Protein backbone atom coordinates (compact mmCIF):
# COMPACT_ATOMS: atom_id res chain seq x y z
CA MET A 1 -1.89 1.13 -13.41
CA PRO A 2 -2.81 0.39 -9.76
CA THR A 3 -4.78 2.97 -7.82
CA CYS A 4 -5.40 3.88 -4.19
CA GLU A 5 -8.77 2.59 -2.97
CA HIS A 6 -9.15 5.69 -0.78
CA CYS A 7 -8.43 8.57 -3.17
CA GLU A 8 -8.11 6.77 -6.54
CA ALA A 9 -4.65 8.25 -7.14
CA HIS A 10 -2.32 6.19 -9.32
CA VAL A 11 0.55 4.39 -7.59
CA SER A 12 3.52 2.66 -9.14
CA GLU A 13 3.64 -1.07 -9.83
CA ARG A 14 6.52 -1.24 -7.35
CA PHE A 15 4.44 0.42 -4.62
CA ALA A 16 1.59 -1.98 -5.35
CA ARG A 17 3.86 -5.04 -5.08
CA VAL A 18 4.95 -3.95 -1.62
CA PHE A 19 1.80 -2.48 -0.10
CA ALA A 20 -1.15 -4.21 -1.77
CA ASP A 21 -3.24 -6.58 0.33
CA GLU A 22 -3.81 -10.24 -0.58
CA ARG A 23 -6.47 -9.18 -3.11
CA GLY A 24 -4.13 -6.65 -4.75
CA LEU A 25 -5.87 -3.58 -3.31
CA ILE A 26 -3.96 -0.51 -2.14
CA HIS A 27 -5.82 0.95 0.84
CA ALA A 28 -3.59 4.00 1.30
CA CYS A 29 -1.15 5.71 -1.03
CA PRO A 30 1.64 7.98 0.25
CA ASN A 31 -0.73 10.95 -0.04
CA CYS A 32 -3.41 9.29 2.13
CA SER A 33 -1.21 7.86 4.83
CA ALA A 34 1.88 8.89 6.75
CA ASN A 35 4.98 7.04 5.58
CA ALA A 36 5.43 5.71 9.11
CA GLY A 37 2.03 4.03 8.88
CA ILE A 38 2.92 2.42 5.58
CA ALA A 39 6.17 1.13 7.04
CA GLU A 40 4.31 -0.41 9.99
CA VAL A 41 1.97 -2.30 7.68
CA ALA A 42 4.90 -3.55 5.62
CA LYS A 43 6.64 -4.84 8.78
CA GLU A 44 3.45 -6.54 9.92
CA ARG A 45 2.98 -8.32 6.60
CA ALA A 46 6.62 -9.36 6.46
CA HIS A 47 6.32 -10.85 9.93
CA ASP A 48 3.12 -12.74 9.04
CA ALA A 49 4.60 -14.23 5.86
């Protein structure tokens, strides 16, 4: 199961597919980051793709 690099909490496979970086690392789970921040990263990655 994927884990947050910051706090080592488990995250779902679905969360990992959306928010992992190109190496598959999750740098912030919902507990470590505001949902708005996660959404901004997702928009940025979608734009860059």
